[in-house]
Amino acid sequence: METVYRFKLIPSIRQAETMASWLGMLRGMVNYNLADRIDSYSQGFIQGNFCSLRFKAEACPLTCSVVRSASNGHPWKQNKPTLRRRKPKLDQPFNPRRSAYEMQSSGLPGLKQSRPWYQAVNADVLQQALRHLDTAFNQFFQGKSGFPQFKRRNDFNSFEFKPKTVKVNGNHIMLPTLGEMRFFKSRDIPNSWEIRTVTVTQKADGWYASLLLRDDSVPEKPKKAVAELQSVNGVDRGITKIAAMADGTVELNPHIGKRYQRRLGIRQRRLSRKKKGSANRAKVRQRVARLHQKIRRVRTDFQWKLARRIARSADLIGFEDLNIKGMKQRCKPKQDPQTGRYIQNGQTAKTALNKAISDASWYSLRVKTEHQARKLGNWVVDAPAHHSSQECSECHYISPGNRVGEKFICESCGHHEDADVDAAVVIADRARVKIGQPNLPMVSREVTPKPELTGCKESSLALVGEPGNRPGNPERTAATVQLSLFELVSGESPSISLCG
């Protein structure tokens, strides 16, 4: 089993300056190797005598075929197993050709000779940065992510150490090349857990270390088999209600971004008035960054807690398969057919909707719920989202007239329910059909009314009859006393509603 512990570091001034310089050099190296991989891949499709798109340099066609994935470094290996960290497999023949990562990694010694300032960076940190670049390309070709992008200064803020190179002793951590550094030990690290990779990240309020821990003696929670699933729950995400579930639970949207909007606007206006490059501008910029970090932390904390409750509600959790990127696209421009001038297309009103969708972070909530469900062995399924808010959960009749605002009244069978809760029931039904279990029981509904929903409170007659606990309304006093007589005869203490 693997887990991650995150601690805040307390580096010295010299250590902080060293780590900041590493980030700049690593970003330049990664961008250079990214450009090298793009050019090398494009060389296989060019026509002409040259093999370099950037410099139009001529080379042998055989060289072009060898360096299809990368051209920085040495393309061939030496058949010396003693030089490799990993032992070669006996059933696989030796492949003398290097991969793209191996080629670019073999060019690091030459990089340090041509640019001596790179000698100050730990070799493992340089290699791990190239590994992340190679992973980004592999995920792109597998269809799991987009094409790798060149990193700006604000986008590159972390570096990683290899496994078994970092040691922790009390509240001190020993990082290669950087030396010993204190940190806030907010939690104890179990002795049985082995420290794997350590990622150092620069944030608005300082430096943090993320320790990847592994303990092979603790097994991972296996995913439940289809036959072991006992209940299903659906989640309908929205703006007013960030999550409405099939069991009747409704979680209102806290509008975290809107809560800090005024404070953020004040600080951003102060930043815009400062002279570029001045020390005062750097101070105000740091305050803006810290406020963004606070907003992000509040939202993350809320979503983790909500995701935990959703993941524990049922064995199968159904989410709408929403095209969030398409929902936030700009409106198409409109032209007057007579004059040809552009007219209003509703983009101003849609901007507020796009901002609310981004503030709700629907996709982030789904990812966190899937992570929590994986630890419990539960399932998270994306169900089709078409007409989920217009379909009746009882008779499955679909009509736009079924929903009126937040109310749902079926035009066919008369079923009435909260519109978002009814949509969550429909999503849960589609989720169990998708996995081939249409008869999977729906999660039980909450039937106990809450005072904040009903507007009245329940009171026990046993407490009402006590001295000093009489209701304040004199018109109900007689009725309360009379009912207390029945209580004495029957020997029971019923609860009645005082909402009239």
Foldseek 3Di string as FASTA:
>chain_A
DKDKDKWFFDADPVLVVLLLVVLVVLLVLLLVQLVQQVQLLCQVPDDDQCRGPPPSHGDDVVVSVQSNRGDQADQFDDPDQVVDPDHDDPVDDDDGGDDSLVRNLRNVVVVCVVPVVCVLDDSQQNSVSSVVVVVQVVCCVVVNDHHDDRDDSVRGFKTKGFFPQWDDDPQWIQHPSSGITGIDCPDDDDPQWGWGMWMWGAALVHIMIMTMTDHPVDDADAADDPVPFFAFKFWEADLQFRTAMLQGDTHGDPLLCVVCVVVLVVLVVVLVPDDPPDPVNVVSVSVNRVVVVVSVVVLVVVLLVVLLVQLPQGQEYEYAPDPLVVLLDAFDWDADPVPRDTDDDCRVVSVVVNVSSVSSPSVVSLVSNCVNNSRVSGYYYHFYDPQLLQAALPPRDGDPVQDDPQWGADPPPGDIDGSRNRSRSSRRQRRCVVVPRNPRHYRHHDDDDDCVVPVWDKDKLVQCPDPPNPDPDPVCRVVSVVVVVVCVVVVDTDIDIPPD
